[in-house]
């Protein structure tokens, strides 16, 4: 219930142009919108523009006495931004399905939840990679990120042949998997 009260306070603060409320809304929501826009053929400037339009829409809604928010603010902002971005892509000819018949707010709670889970998993993977140590970290990065083949990795790391490099990569991958899941299970 505390979250609902806080969100209502943020909406009231936004409606009365309180700087702290506006900054909080920006801090809590812009990163999510930026990630969405960047992952969908947009730029940082596009994200800023779309977010600004969404904040204006939310501001106008918050000023109305009849406006009742039936979801979290981040869900509402995300759905507005998603709709605006799809509309802009359609105008640029990069999105072919009509956006006009989408509802004002699209149910995106699951999409946001999935996005947050994925970000949390990436953060855990990053920590696991950081604690993996050398040469495993460099070996896995060489194979999965730099897309080097086993022969190249064998030469880089001084293994006698590609099969030995492959065996070492497998052992490193199992260590990484163990580190990841030990941290992942703690987080749940």
N, C-alpha and C. Protein backbone atom coordinates (compact mmCIF):
# COMPACT_ATOMS: atom_id res chain seq x y z
N UNK A 1 0.82 -1.20 0.00
CA UNK A 1 0.00 0.00 0.00
C UNK A 1 0.86 1.26 0.00
N UNK A 2 2.04 1.17 0.58
CA UNK A 2 2.94 2.32 0.64
C UNK A 2 3.29 2.80 -0.77
N UNK A 3 3.51 1.85 -1.70
CA UNK A 3 3.84 2.20 -3.07
C UNK A 3 2.72 2.98 -3.73
N UNK A 4 1.46 2.59 -3.47
CA UNK A 4 0.32 3.28 -4.05
C UNK A 4 0.23 4.71 -3.53
N UNK A 5 0.46 4.88 -2.25
CA UNK A 5 0.43 6.22 -1.66
C UNK A 5 1.54 7.07 -2.25
N UNK A 6 2.74 6.49 -2.39
CA UNK A 6 3.87 7.20 -2.97
C UNK A 6 3.57 7.60 -4.41
N UNK A 7 2.96 6.71 -5.18
CA UNK A 7 2.65 7.02 -6.57
C UNK A 7 1.59 8.12 -6.67
N UNK A 8 0.61 8.08 -5.77
CA UNK A 8 -0.40 9.15 -5.76
C UNK A 8 0.25 10.50 -5.42
N UNK A 9 1.20 10.45 -4.48
CA UNK A 9 1.92 11.68 -4.11
C UNK A 9 2.73 12.20 -5.30
N UNK A 10 3.35 11.29 -6.05
CA UNK A 10 4.11 11.70 -7.23
C UNK A 10 3.19 12.34 -8.27
N UNK A 11 2.01 11.75 -8.48
CA UNK A 11 1.07 12.32 -9.45
C UNK A 11 0.60 13.71 -9.01
N UNK A 12 0.32 13.85 -7.72
CA UNK A 12 -0.09 15.17 -7.21
C UNK A 12 1.05 16.17 -7.36
N UNK A 13 2.27 15.72 -7.06
CA UNK A 13 3.44 16.58 -7.22
C UNK A 13 3.63 16.99 -8.67
N UNK A 14 3.44 16.05 -9.59
CA UNK A 14 3.56 16.35 -11.02
C UNK A 14 2.49 17.36 -11.43
N UNK A 15 1.26 17.14 -10.98
CA UNK A 15 0.16 18.04 -11.33
C UNK A 15 0.41 19.45 -10.84
N UNK A 16 1.10 19.60 -9.71
CA UNK A 16 1.38 20.94 -9.19
C UNK A 16 2.79 21.41 -9.53
N UNK A 17 3.43 20.74 -10.49
CA UNK A 17 4.74 21.16 -11.01
C UNK A 17 5.86 21.15 -9.98
N UNK A 18 5.83 20.21 -9.06
CA UNK A 18 6.89 20.13 -8.06
C UNK A 18 8.14 19.51 -8.69
N UNK A 19 9.25 20.18 -8.54
CA UNK A 19 10.51 19.74 -9.15
C UNK A 19 10.91 18.36 -8.67
N UNK A 20 10.78 18.10 -7.37
CA UNK A 20 11.19 16.81 -6.83
C UNK A 20 10.39 15.66 -7.43
N UNK A 21 9.10 15.85 -7.61
CA UNK A 21 8.25 14.81 -8.20
C UNK A 21 8.65 14.55 -9.65
N UNK A 22 8.90 15.63 -10.39
CA UNK A 22 9.29 15.50 -11.80
C UNK A 22 10.64 14.78 -11.91
N UNK A 23 11.59 15.17 -11.05
CA UNK A 23 12.90 14.52 -11.07
C UNK A 23 12.80 13.04 -10.71
N UNK A 24 11.96 12.72 -9.74
CA UNK A 24 11.77 11.32 -9.33
C UNK A 24 11.17 10.51 -10.47
N UNK A 25 10.16 11.06 -11.12
CA UNK A 25 9.54 10.36 -12.25
C UNK A 25 10.55 10.14 -13.37
N UNK A 26 11.37 11.14 -13.63
CA UNK A 26 12.40 11.02 -14.67
C UNK A 26 13.41 9.95 -14.29
N UNK A 27 13.91 10.03 -13.06
CA UNK A 27 14.94 9.08 -12.59
C UNK A 27 14.42 7.65 -12.60
N UNK A 28 13.17 7.46 -12.20
CA UNK A 28 12.60 6.12 -12.08
C UNK A 28 12.18 5.51 -13.42
N UNK A 29 11.96 6.34 -14.44
CA UNK A 29 11.35 5.83 -15.66
C UNK A 29 12.14 6.03 -16.95
N UNK A 30 13.02 7.02 -17.01
CA UNK A 30 13.67 7.32 -18.28
C UNK A 30 14.55 6.16 -18.77
N UNK A 31 15.28 5.52 -17.87
CA UNK A 31 16.17 4.43 -18.27
C UNK A 31 15.42 3.31 -18.97
N UNK A 32 14.26 2.97 -18.45
CA UNK A 32 13.43 1.91 -19.04
C UNK A 32 12.98 2.31 -20.45
N UNK A 33 12.56 3.56 -20.61
CA UNK A 33 12.10 4.05 -21.90
C UNK A 33 13.28 4.12 -22.88
N UNK A 34 14.40 4.61 -22.41
CA UNK A 34 15.60 4.70 -23.25
C UNK A 34 16.00 3.32 -23.78
N UNK A 35 16.01 2.33 -22.90
CA UNK A 35 16.35 0.97 -23.31
C UNK A 35 15.39 0.47 -24.38
N UNK A 36 14.10 0.69 -24.18
CA UNK A 36 13.11 0.25 -25.15
C UNK A 36 13.33 0.90 -26.52
N UNK A 37 13.52 2.22 -26.52
CA UNK A 37 13.69 2.95 -27.78
C UNK A 37 14.99 2.52 -28.48
N UNK A 38 16.07 2.39 -27.73
CA UNK A 38 17.35 2.00 -28.33
C UNK A 38 17.28 0.58 -28.90
N UNK A 39 16.54 -0.30 -28.24
CA UNK A 39 16.40 -1.67 -28.74
C UNK A 39 15.44 -1.77 -29.92
N UNK A 40 14.74 -0.69 -30.22
CA UNK A 40 13.76 -0.71 -31.30
C UNK A 40 14.03 0.40 -32.32
N UNK A 41 15.26 0.43 -32.81
CA UNK A 41 15.67 1.31 -33.92
C UNK A 41 15.67 2.79 -33.60
N UNK A 42 15.82 3.16 -32.34
CA UNK A 42 15.82 4.57 -31.99
C UNK A 42 17.16 5.02 -31.43
N UNK A 43 17.25 6.31 -31.17
CA UNK A 43 18.47 6.91 -30.62
C UNK A 43 18.18 7.49 -29.24
N UNK A 44 19.22 7.96 -28.60
CA UNK A 44 19.07 8.61 -27.30
C UNK A 44 18.15 9.84 -27.42
N UNK A 45 18.33 10.62 -28.49
CA UNK A 45 17.48 11.80 -28.69
C UNK A 45 16.02 11.41 -28.91
N UNK A 46 15.80 10.31 -29.65
CA UNK A 46 14.43 9.82 -29.82
C UNK A 46 13.82 9.49 -28.46
N UNK A 47 14.61 8.80 -27.63
CA UNK A 47 14.13 8.42 -26.30
C UNK A 47 13.76 9.65 -25.48
N UNK A 48 14.60 10.67 -25.53
CA UNK A 48 14.31 11.91 -24.79
C UNK A 48 13.03 12.56 -25.29
N UNK A 49 12.86 12.61 -26.61
CA UNK A 49 11.65 13.22 -27.19
C UNK A 49 10.39 12.45 -26.79
N UNK A 50 10.44 11.14 -26.94
CA UNK A 50 9.28 10.31 -26.63
C UNK A 50 8.96 10.40 -25.14
N UNK A 51 9.99 10.34 -24.30
CA UNK A 51 9.77 10.43 -22.86
C UNK A 51 9.15 11.78 -22.50
N UNK A 52 9.64 12.84 -23.12
CA UNK A 52 9.10 14.18 -22.85
C UNK A 52 7.61 14.23 -23.23
N UNK A 53 7.26 13.66 -24.38
CA UNK A 53 5.86 13.63 -24.80
C UNK A 53 5.01 12.85 -23.79
N UNK A 54 5.56 11.73 -23.31
CA UNK A 54 4.83 10.92 -22.33
C UNK A 54 4.64 11.67 -21.02
N UNK A 55 5.67 12.39 -20.60
CA UNK A 55 5.56 13.17 -19.35
C UNK A 55 4.51 14.27 -19.50
N UNK A 56 4.43 14.87 -20.66
CA UNK A 56 3.42 15.90 -20.90
C UNK A 56 2.02 15.28 -20.83
N UNK A 57 1.88 14.10 -21.44
CA UNK A 57 0.59 13.41 -21.40
C UNK A 57 0.22 13.05 -19.96
N UNK A 58 1.19 12.53 -19.21
CA UNK A 58 0.94 12.17 -17.81
C UNK A 58 0.61 13.42 -17.00
N UNK A 59 1.32 14.51 -17.25
CA UNK A 59 1.08 15.78 -16.56
C UNK A 59 -0.36 16.25 -16.80
N UNK A 60 -0.78 16.20 -18.06
CA UNK A 60 -2.14 16.63 -18.39
C UNK A 60 -3.19 15.74 -17.72
N UNK A 61 -2.93 14.44 -17.71
CA UNK A 61 -3.86 13.51 -17.05
C UNK A 61 -3.88 13.75 -15.54
N UNK A 62 -2.71 13.96 -14.96
CA UNK A 62 -2.61 14.15 -13.50
C UNK A 62 -3.35 15.40 -13.05
N UNK A 63 -3.47 16.38 -13.92
CA UNK A 63 -4.18 17.61 -13.56
C UNK A 63 -5.70 17.44 -13.57
N UNK A 64 -6.17 16.37 -14.18
CA UNK A 64 -7.61 16.12 -14.24
C UNK A 64 -8.06 15.42 -12.96
N UNK A 65 -9.12 15.94 -12.36
CA UNK A 65 -9.65 15.34 -11.13
C UNK A 65 -10.25 13.96 -11.39
N UNK A 66 -10.68 13.72 -12.62
CA UNK A 66 -11.33 12.45 -12.93
C UNK A 66 -10.33 11.33 -13.26
N UNK A 67 -9.05 11.66 -13.39
CA UNK A 67 -8.04 10.66 -13.76
C UNK A 67 -7.76 9.72 -12.59
N UNK A 68 -7.91 8.43 -12.85
CA UNK A 68 -7.61 7.40 -11.86
C UNK A 68 -6.59 6.46 -12.48
N UNK A 69 -5.45 6.36 -11.88
CA UNK A 69 -4.40 5.49 -12.38
C UNK A 69 -4.68 4.07 -11.89
N UNK A 70 -4.84 3.13 -12.82
CA UNK A 70 -5.19 1.75 -12.47
C UNK A 70 -4.01 0.81 -12.55
N UNK A 71 -2.81 1.35 -12.75
CA UNK A 71 -1.60 0.53 -12.80
C UNK A 71 -0.47 1.37 -12.20
N UNK A 72 0.72 0.82 -12.17
CA UNK A 72 1.86 1.58 -11.67
C UNK A 72 2.20 2.69 -12.66
N UNK A 73 2.82 3.76 -12.16
CA UNK A 73 3.22 4.87 -13.03
C UNK A 73 4.15 4.37 -14.12
N UNK A 74 5.11 3.52 -13.76
CA UNK A 74 6.08 3.06 -14.76
C UNK A 74 5.38 2.29 -15.88
N UNK A 75 4.34 1.54 -15.56
CA UNK A 75 3.59 0.81 -16.57
C UNK A 75 2.87 1.78 -17.50
N UNK A 76 2.28 2.80 -16.91
CA UNK A 76 1.55 3.81 -17.68
C UNK A 76 2.50 4.56 -18.60
N UNK A 77 3.63 5.03 -18.04
CA UNK A 77 4.62 5.77 -18.83
C UNK A 77 5.16 4.89 -19.96
N UNK A 78 5.49 3.66 -19.64
CA UNK A 78 6.02 2.74 -20.64
C UNK A 78 5.02 2.52 -21.76
N UNK A 79 3.76 2.34 -21.41
CA UNK A 79 2.75 2.08 -22.45
C UNK A 79 2.56 3.30 -23.34
N UNK A 80 2.59 4.49 -22.76
CA UNK A 80 2.48 5.71 -23.56
C UNK A 80 3.68 5.80 -24.50
N UNK A 81 4.88 5.59 -23.96
CA UNK A 81 6.09 5.69 -24.77
C UNK A 81 6.10 4.65 -25.87
N UNK A 82 5.66 3.46 -25.55
CA UNK A 82 5.63 2.37 -26.54
C UNK A 82 4.69 2.75 -27.68
N UNK A 83 3.52 3.24 -27.33
CA UNK A 83 2.54 3.64 -28.34
C UNK A 83 3.07 4.78 -29.19
N UNK A 84 3.65 5.80 -28.55
CA UNK A 84 4.21 6.94 -29.28
C UNK A 84 5.33 6.51 -30.21
N UNK A 85 6.18 5.61 -29.72
CA UNK A 85 7.31 5.17 -30.54
C UNK A 85 6.84 4.33 -31.73
N UNK A 86 5.87 3.45 -31.51
CA UNK A 86 5.34 2.67 -32.62
C UNK A 86 4.70 3.58 -33.67
N UNK A 87 4.02 4.60 -33.20
CA UNK A 87 3.40 5.56 -34.11
C UNK A 87 4.46 6.29 -34.92
N UNK A 88 5.55 6.68 -34.25
CA UNK A 88 6.63 7.38 -34.96
C UNK A 88 7.31 6.45 -35.96
N UNK A 89 7.53 5.21 -35.58
CA UNK A 89 8.13 4.24 -36.52
C UNK A 89 7.22 4.06 -37.73
N UNK A 90 5.92 4.03 -37.48
CA UNK A 90 4.96 3.88 -38.58
C UNK A 90 5.05 5.08 -39.53
N UNK A 91 5.16 6.28 -38.96
CA UNK A 91 5.28 7.48 -39.77
C UNK A 91 6.56 7.48 -40.61
N UNK A 92 7.62 6.89 -40.06
CA UNK A 92 8.90 6.82 -40.78
C UNK A 92 8.94 5.64 -41.74
N UNK A 93 7.86 4.85 -41.75
CA UNK A 93 7.79 3.72 -42.65
C UNK A 93 8.54 2.49 -42.17
N UNK A 94 8.88 2.43 -40.88
CA UNK A 94 9.63 1.29 -40.34
C UNK A 94 8.75 0.31 -39.58
N UNK A 95 7.46 0.61 -39.48
CA UNK A 95 6.54 -0.28 -38.76
C UNK A 95 5.26 -0.33 -39.57
N UNK A 96 4.84 -1.51 -39.98
CA UNK A 96 3.76 -1.61 -40.95
C UNK A 96 2.37 -1.79 -40.35
N UNK A 97 2.27 -2.21 -39.10
CA UNK A 97 0.94 -2.44 -38.54
C UNK A 97 0.35 -1.13 -38.03
N UNK A 98 -0.96 -0.94 -38.22
CA UNK A 98 -1.56 0.31 -37.75
C UNK A 98 -1.53 0.43 -36.23
N UNK A 99 -1.19 1.63 -35.77
CA UNK A 99 -1.07 1.87 -34.34
C UNK A 99 -2.31 2.56 -33.80
N UNK A 100 -3.09 3.15 -34.68
CA UNK A 100 -4.25 3.94 -34.25
C UNK A 100 -5.25 3.15 -33.42
N UNK A 101 -5.39 1.86 -33.69
CA UNK A 101 -6.40 1.11 -32.96
C UNK A 101 -5.88 0.52 -31.65
N UNK A 102 -4.66 0.86 -31.26
CA UNK A 102 -4.18 0.45 -29.94
C UNK A 102 -4.90 1.26 -28.88
N UNK A 103 -5.17 0.66 -27.75
CA UNK A 103 -5.79 1.41 -26.66
C UNK A 103 -4.80 2.45 -26.14
N UNK A 104 -5.31 3.42 -25.39
CA UNK A 104 -4.45 4.48 -24.87
C UNK A 104 -3.32 3.90 -24.02
N UNK A 105 -3.66 2.95 -23.18
CA UNK A 105 -2.61 2.27 -22.42
C UNK A 105 -2.64 0.80 -22.78
N UNK A 106 -1.51 0.31 -23.16
CA UNK A 106 -1.39 -1.08 -23.55
C UNK A 106 -0.94 -1.86 -22.32
N UNK A 107 -1.53 -3.02 -22.07
CA UNK A 107 -1.13 -3.83 -20.94
C UNK A 107 0.29 -4.34 -21.10
N UNK A 108 1.23 -3.74 -20.40
CA UNK A 108 2.64 -4.09 -20.59
C UNK A 108 3.30 -4.52 -19.29
N UNK A 109 2.50 -4.82 -18.27
CA UNK A 109 3.08 -5.18 -16.99
C UNK A 109 4.03 -6.37 -17.12
N UNK A 110 3.60 -7.38 -17.89
CA UNK A 110 4.44 -8.57 -18.06
C UNK A 110 5.71 -8.23 -18.82
N UNK A 111 5.60 -7.37 -19.84
CA UNK A 111 6.76 -6.99 -20.63
C UNK A 111 7.78 -6.26 -19.75
N UNK A 112 7.32 -5.37 -18.89
CA UNK A 112 8.22 -4.65 -18.00
C UNK A 112 8.84 -5.61 -17.00
N UNK A 113 8.04 -6.51 -16.46
CA UNK A 113 8.54 -7.48 -15.50
C UNK A 113 9.62 -8.36 -16.13
N UNK A 114 9.37 -8.81 -17.37
CA UNK A 114 10.36 -9.61 -18.09
C UNK A 114 11.64 -8.81 -18.31
N UNK A 115 11.48 -7.54 -18.67
CA UNK A 115 12.63 -6.67 -18.90
C UNK A 115 13.45 -6.51 -17.63
N UNK A 116 12.78 -6.31 -16.50
CA UNK A 116 13.49 -6.16 -15.23
C UNK A 116 14.19 -7.45 -14.82
N UNK A 117 13.54 -8.60 -15.04
CA UNK A 117 14.16 -9.89 -14.72
C UNK A 117 15.41 -10.12 -15.59
N UNK A 118 15.28 -9.78 -16.87
CA UNK A 118 16.40 -9.95 -17.78
C UNK A 118 17.57 -9.05 -17.36
N UNK A 119 17.28 -7.81 -17.00
CA UNK A 119 18.34 -6.90 -16.54
C UNK A 119 18.99 -7.42 -15.27
N UNK A 120 18.20 -7.97 -14.35
CA UNK A 120 18.76 -8.53 -13.12
C UNK A 120 19.66 -9.72 -13.44
N UNK A 121 19.21 -10.57 -14.36
CA UNK A 121 20.03 -11.73 -14.75
C UNK A 121 21.33 -11.28 -15.41
N UNK A 122 21.27 -10.23 -16.24
CA UNK A 122 22.49 -9.71 -16.87
C UNK A 122 23.45 -9.17 -15.81
N UNK A 123 22.92 -8.51 -14.81
CA UNK A 123 23.77 -7.98 -13.74
C UNK A 123 24.43 -9.12 -12.98
N UNK A 124 23.69 -10.19 -12.72
CA UNK A 124 24.27 -11.35 -12.03
C UNK A 124 25.33 -12.00 -12.90
N UNK A 125 25.06 -12.11 -14.20
CA UNK A 125 26.04 -12.69 -15.12
C UNK A 125 27.31 -11.84 -15.16
N UNK A 126 27.14 -10.54 -15.14
CA UNK A 126 28.30 -9.64 -15.14
C UNK A 126 29.14 -9.85 -13.88
N UNK A 127 28.48 -9.98 -12.73
CA UNK A 127 29.21 -10.24 -11.47
C UNK A 127 29.89 -11.60 -11.52
N UNK A 128 29.20 -12.60 -12.07
CA UNK A 128 29.78 -13.95 -12.17
C UNK A 128 31.00 -13.92 -13.09
N UNK A 129 30.91 -13.20 -14.21
CA UNK A 129 32.06 -13.09 -15.12
C UNK A 129 33.22 -12.38 -14.42
N UNK A 130 32.90 -11.37 -13.62
CA UNK A 130 33.93 -10.63 -12.90
C UNK A 130 34.65 -11.48 -11.87
N UNK A 131 33.94 -12.41 -11.28
CA UNK A 131 34.56 -13.26 -10.25
C UNK A 131 35.11 -14.56 -10.82
N UNK A 132 34.98 -14.76 -12.13
CA UNK A 132 35.44 -15.99 -12.76
C UNK A 132 36.96 -16.09 -12.77
N UNK A 133 37.64 -15.00 -13.02
CA UNK A 133 39.09 -15.02 -13.04
C UNK A 133 39.65 -15.38 -14.40
N UNK A 134 40.95 -15.21 -14.53
CA UNK A 134 41.66 -15.50 -15.78
C UNK A 134 42.22 -16.90 -15.73
N UNK A 135 42.43 -17.58 -16.80
CA UNK A 135 42.17 -17.18 -18.19
C UNK A 135 40.73 -17.43 -18.63
N UNK A 136 39.90 -17.98 -17.72
CA UNK A 136 38.53 -18.34 -18.11
C UNK A 136 37.75 -17.15 -18.67
N UNK A 137 37.83 -16.02 -18.00
CA UNK A 137 37.07 -14.86 -18.44
C UNK A 137 37.46 -14.48 -19.87
N UNK A 138 38.74 -14.38 -20.14
CA UNK A 138 39.21 -14.01 -21.48
C UNK A 138 38.89 -15.08 -22.51
N UNK A 139 38.96 -16.33 -22.12
CA UNK A 139 38.66 -17.43 -23.02
C UNK A 139 37.19 -17.40 -23.45
N UNK A 140 36.30 -17.24 -22.48
CA UNK A 140 34.87 -17.18 -22.80
C UNK A 140 34.52 -15.92 -23.61
N UNK A 141 35.11 -14.79 -23.23
CA UNK A 141 34.87 -13.56 -24.00
C UNK A 141 35.39 -13.71 -25.42
N UNK A 142 36.56 -14.35 -25.57
CA UNK A 142 37.11 -14.58 -26.90
C UNK A 142 36.19 -15.40 -27.77
N UNK A 143 35.60 -16.43 -27.18
CA UNK A 143 34.74 -17.33 -27.96
C UNK A 143 33.35 -16.72 -28.20
N UNK A 144 32.69 -16.23 -27.13
CA UNK A 144 31.31 -15.80 -27.25
C UNK A 144 31.12 -14.35 -27.69
N UNK A 145 32.04 -13.49 -27.34
CA UNK A 145 31.87 -12.07 -27.67
C UNK A 145 32.68 -11.69 -28.91
N UNK A 146 33.96 -12.11 -28.92
CA UNK A 146 34.81 -11.76 -30.06
C UNK A 146 34.67 -12.76 -31.21
N UNK A 147 33.91 -13.84 -30.99
CA UNK A 147 33.60 -14.85 -32.01
C UNK A 147 34.85 -15.49 -32.63
N UNK A 148 35.85 -15.75 -31.80
CA UNK A 148 37.06 -16.43 -32.28
C UNK A 148 36.80 -17.94 -32.30
N UNK A 149 37.42 -18.63 -33.25
CA UNK A 149 37.24 -20.08 -33.30
C UNK A 149 38.23 -20.76 -32.36
N UNK A 150 38.08 -22.06 -32.18
CA UNK A 150 38.89 -22.81 -31.22
C UNK A 150 40.38 -22.79 -31.56
N UNK A 151 40.71 -22.82 -32.85
CA UNK A 151 42.12 -22.80 -33.25
C UNK A 151 42.76 -21.46 -32.85
N UNK A 152 42.05 -20.37 -33.08
CA UNK A 152 42.56 -19.04 -32.69
C UNK A 152 42.74 -18.96 -31.18
N UNK A 153 41.78 -19.49 -30.43
CA UNK A 153 41.87 -19.46 -28.97
C UNK A 153 43.02 -20.32 -28.47
N UNK A 154 43.24 -21.48 -29.12
CA UNK A 154 44.35 -22.36 -28.74
C UNK A 154 45.67 -21.62 -28.90
N UNK A 155 45.81 -20.88 -29.99
CA UNK A 155 47.04 -20.12 -30.24
C UNK A 155 47.18 -18.97 -29.24
N UNK A 156 46.08 -18.26 -28.98
CA UNK A 156 46.10 -17.11 -28.06
C UNK A 156 46.50 -17.52 -26.64
N UNK A 157 45.97 -18.66 -26.20
CA UNK A 157 46.17 -19.07 -24.81
C UNK A 157 47.24 -20.15 -24.63
N UNK A 158 47.88 -20.54 -25.72
CA UNK A 158 48.99 -21.48 -25.63
C UNK A 158 48.59 -22.93 -25.43
N UNK A 159 47.38 -23.31 -25.85
CA UNK A 159 46.97 -24.71 -25.77
C UNK A 159 47.57 -25.46 -26.96
N UNK A 160 47.81 -26.76 -26.79
CA UNK A 160 48.48 -27.52 -27.84
C UNK A 160 47.62 -27.70 -29.08
N UNK A 161 46.28 -27.73 -28.93
CA UNK A 161 45.41 -27.85 -30.10
C UNK A 161 44.01 -27.32 -29.78
N UNK A 162 43.16 -27.30 -30.80
CA UNK A 162 41.80 -26.75 -30.66
C UNK A 162 40.97 -27.57 -29.68
N UNK A 163 41.19 -28.90 -29.63
CA UNK A 163 40.42 -29.74 -28.71
C UNK A 163 40.71 -29.39 -27.25
N UNK A 164 41.97 -29.12 -26.94
CA UNK A 164 42.32 -28.72 -25.57
C UNK A 164 41.67 -27.38 -25.21
N UNK A 165 41.66 -26.47 -26.16
CA UNK A 165 41.01 -25.17 -25.93
C UNK A 165 39.51 -25.37 -25.70
N UNK A 166 38.93 -26.29 -26.48
CA UNK A 166 37.49 -26.58 -26.34
C UNK A 166 37.18 -27.18 -24.97
N UNK A 167 38.02 -28.09 -24.51
CA UNK A 167 37.84 -28.68 -23.18
C UNK A 167 37.96 -27.63 -22.09
N UNK A 168 38.94 -26.74 -22.22
CA UNK A 168 39.12 -25.68 -21.21
C UNK A 168 37.93 -24.72 -21.24
N UNK A 169 37.43 -24.40 -22.44
CA UNK A 169 36.26 -23.52 -22.55
C UNK A 169 35.06 -24.15 -21.84
N UNK A 170 34.89 -25.45 -22.02
CA UNK A 170 33.79 -26.16 -21.38
C UNK A 170 33.91 -26.08 -19.85
N UNK A 171 35.13 -26.32 -19.34
CA UNK A 171 35.34 -26.24 -17.88
C UNK A 171 35.06 -24.83 -17.37
N UNK A 172 35.50 -23.84 -18.12
CA UNK A 172 35.26 -22.44 -17.72
C UNK A 172 33.77 -22.13 -17.75
N UNK A 173 33.09 -22.63 -18.75
CA UNK A 173 31.65 -22.40 -18.86
C UNK A 173 30.91 -23.03 -17.68
N UNK A 174 31.34 -24.21 -17.27
CA UNK A 174 30.71 -24.87 -16.12
C UNK A 174 30.97 -24.08 -14.83
N UNK A 175 32.19 -23.53 -14.69
CA UNK A 175 32.48 -22.68 -13.52
C UNK A 175 31.61 -21.43 -13.53
N UNK A 176 31.47 -20.82 -14.70
CA UNK A 176 30.63 -19.62 -14.83
C UNK A 176 29.18 -19.95 -14.50
N UNK A 177 28.71 -21.06 -15.01
CA UNK A 177 27.33 -21.50 -14.75
C UNK A 177 27.10 -21.69 -13.25
N UNK A 178 28.07 -22.32 -12.59
CA UNK A 178 27.97 -22.55 -11.15
C UNK A 178 27.94 -21.22 -10.39
N UNK A 179 28.83 -20.29 -10.76
CA UNK A 179 28.85 -18.97 -10.12
C UNK A 179 27.53 -18.22 -10.36
N UNK A 180 27.05 -18.27 -11.60
CA UNK A 180 25.83 -17.56 -11.94
C UNK A 180 24.65 -18.08 -11.12
N UNK A 181 24.47 -19.39 -11.12
CA UNK A 181 23.30 -19.95 -10.45
C UNK A 181 23.40 -19.86 -8.93
N UNK A 182 24.60 -19.84 -8.39
CA UNK A 182 24.71 -19.66 -6.93
C UNK A 182 24.25 -18.26 -6.55
N UNK A 183 24.55 -17.25 -7.40
CA UNK A 183 24.11 -15.88 -7.13
C UNK A 183 22.65 -15.67 -7.55
N UNK A 184 22.22 -16.31 -8.63
CA UNK A 184 20.86 -16.17 -9.13
C UNK A 184 19.85 -16.70 -8.14
N UNK A 185 20.14 -17.86 -7.56
CA UNK A 185 19.21 -18.47 -6.60
C UNK A 185 19.10 -17.68 -5.32
N UNK A 186 20.16 -16.97 -4.94
CA UNK A 186 20.12 -16.12 -3.75
C UNK A 186 19.16 -14.96 -3.99
N UNK A 187 19.17 -14.44 -5.23
CA UNK A 187 18.34 -13.27 -5.55
C UNK A 187 16.86 -13.56 -5.60
N UNK A 188 16.46 -14.82 -5.71
CA UNK A 188 15.03 -15.13 -5.84
C UNK A 188 14.36 -15.33 -4.50
